Amino acid sequence: MYPNMQIVALDVNGTEVQTDSEGYIVNLDDWSEDFVHALAAKEKLKLTDEHWQIIGFIRDYYEKNSVQPNVRTMIKHFRKAWGPERGSNRYLHDIFPRGGPQKQGNRLAGVLRTKGEH
């Protein structure tokens, strides 16, 4: 995936799932809802229905487009779904405090890091 990438094992209900040092899943096929719970616990994130909606949106978008949605696309979608206050850049970053929806959301959704991200 990336040269010199450090592999970290995340315990998902007794099964080791490989991630990189930042928590991005190595094998996309290893993703599960249990993975989300394990990674969220590690990142000290209490999952809400809104988190699951965003994770589902990211996964669906990735499956249809072979690329994760950018923040602008997420804002447009969730502004329509939730209204302008919660469908805002600030709110999406507030509920994903470790890198916003494009980093922490992508990690939890089990998609690859965004292009150009280090």
Protein backbone atom coordinates (compact mmCIF):
# COMPACT_ATOMS: atom_id res chain seq x y z
CA MET A 1 0.00 0.00 0.00
CA TYR A 2 2.55 2.60 1.16
CA PRO A 3 6.30 2.11 1.46
CA ASN A 4 7.50 1.66 5.05
CA MET A 5 3.90 1.43 6.28
CA GLN A 6 3.70 0.20 9.86
CA ILE A 7 1.06 -2.52 10.32
CA VAL A 8 -0.96 -2.53 13.52
CA ALA A 9 -3.30 -5.34 14.55
CA LEU A 10 -6.71 -4.26 15.80
CA ASP A 11 -8.56 -6.83 17.90
CA VAL A 12 -12.04 -7.24 16.45
CA ASN A 13 -13.88 -9.77 18.63
CA GLY A 14 -10.81 -11.97 18.96
CA THR A 15 -9.76 -11.65 15.30
CA GLU A 16 -6.83 -9.47 14.31
CA VAL A 17 -7.61 -6.98 11.55
CA GLN A 18 -4.61 -5.21 10.08
CA THR A 19 -4.56 -1.43 9.92
CA ASP A 20 -1.84 1.07 9.26
CA SER A 21 -0.48 3.12 12.15
CA GLU A 22 -3.31 5.68 11.73
CA GLY A 23 -6.09 3.07 11.76
CA TYR A 24 -6.83 2.77 8.04
CA ILE A 25 -7.78 -0.82 7.23
CA VAL A 26 -5.24 -2.67 5.07
CA ASN A 27 -7.59 -5.22 3.47
CA LEU A 28 -10.92 -3.62 2.58
CA ASP A 29 -12.59 -7.04 2.73
CA ASP A 30 -11.83 -7.22 6.48
CA TRP A 31 -14.30 -4.40 7.22
CA SER A 32 -17.34 -5.17 9.39
CA GLU A 33 -19.59 -3.35 11.82
CA ASP A 34 -17.56 -5.01 14.57
CA PHE A 35 -14.46 -3.34 13.06
CA VAL A 36 -16.22 0.03 13.39
CA HIS A 37 -17.02 -0.64 17.05
CA ALA A 38 -13.43 -1.74 17.79
CA LEU A 39 -11.82 1.21 16.01
CA ALA A 40 -14.29 3.69 17.54
CA ALA A 41 -13.48 2.33 21.00
CA LYS A 42 -9.76 2.67 20.31
CA GLU A 43 -10.32 6.27 19.14
CA LYS A 44 -12.61 6.95 22.12
CA LEU A 45 -15.54 7.85 19.86
CA LYS A 46 -19.06 7.14 21.09
CA LEU A 47 -20.99 6.10 17.98
CA THR A 48 -24.39 7.62 17.30
CA ASP A 49 -26.96 7.07 14.57
CA GLU A 50 -25.46 10.07 12.76
CA HIS A 51 -22.02 8.41 12.69
CA TRP A 52 -23.58 5.26 11.22
CA GLN A 53 -25.41 7.32 8.58
CA ILE A 54 -22.15 8.96 7.52
CA ILE A 55 -20.27 5.65 7.56
CA GLY A 56 -23.02 4.12 5.40
CA PHE A 57 -22.92 7.08 3.02
CA ILE A 58 -19.13 6.83 2.65
CA ARG A 59 -19.30 3.07 2.02
CA ASP A 60 -22.14 3.37 -0.51
CA TYR A 61 -20.41 6.22 -2.33
CA TYR A 62 -17.13 4.28 -2.41
CA GLU A 63 -18.86 1.16 -3.71
CA LYS A 64 -20.55 3.11 -6.53
CA ASN A 65 -17.64 5.39 -7.46
CA SER A 66 -14.47 3.51 -6.39
CA VAL A 67 -13.41 6.64 -4.54
CA GLN A 68 -14.48 8.10 -1.23
CA PRO A 69 -16.64 11.23 -1.20
CA ASN A 70 -15.00 14.55 -0.57
CA VAL A 71 -16.21 16.74 2.29
CA ARG A 72 -18.15 19.02 -0.06
CA THR A 73 -20.15 16.02 -1.33
CA MET A 74 -20.86 14.91 2.24
CA ILE A 75 -21.96 18.40 3.28
CA LYS A 76 -24.31 18.66 0.30
CA HIS A 77 -25.86 15.26 1.07
CA PHE A 78 -26.24 15.77 4.82
CA ARG A 79 -27.43 19.37 4.51
CA LYS A 80 -30.30 17.99 2.44
CA ALA A 81 -30.88 15.07 4.86
CA TRP A 82 -30.39 16.88 8.19
CA GLY A 83 -30.78 20.59 7.46
CA PRO A 84 -28.20 23.38 7.32
CA GLU A 85 -27.10 23.34 10.96
CA ARG A 86 -26.16 19.65 11.23
CA GLY A 87 -25.32 19.30 7.53
CA SER A 88 -22.38 21.68 7.89
CA ASN A 89 -18.63 21.30 7.73
CA ARG A 90 -18.31 22.39 11.36
CA TYR A 91 -20.86 19.83 12.63
CA LEU A 92 -19.35 16.96 10.63
CA HIS A 93 -15.93 17.81 12.05
CA ASP A 94 -17.39 18.12 15.56
CA ILE A 95 -18.79 14.59 15.51
CA PHE A 96 -15.58 13.20 13.95
CA PRO A 97 -13.01 15.03 16.11
CA ARG A 98 -10.00 13.01 14.91
CA GLY A 99 -9.70 14.29 11.36
CA GLY A 100 -13.27 15.03 10.38
CA PRO A 101 -15.46 12.85 8.19
CA GLN A 102 -12.85 12.53 5.47
CA LYS A 103 -10.20 11.05 7.75
CA GLN A 104 -11.89 9.56 10.81
CA GLY A 105 -15.05 8.81 8.82
CA ASN A 106 -13.05 7.05 6.11
CA ARG A 107 -11.12 5.02 8.69
CA LEU A 108 -14.33 3.84 10.32
CA ALA A 109 -15.98 3.17 6.95
CA GLY A 110 -13.04 0.96 6.02
CA VAL A 111 -11.98 2.86 2.91
CA LEU A 112 -8.51 3.95 1.95
CA ARG A 113 -6.94 7.22 2.98
CA THR A 114 -7.70 10.10 0.63
CA LYS A 115 -5.32 10.81 -2.21
CA GLY A 116 -2.38 12.89 -1.06
CA GLU A 117 -3.03 12.28 2.62
CA HIS A 118 0.05 11.46 4.67
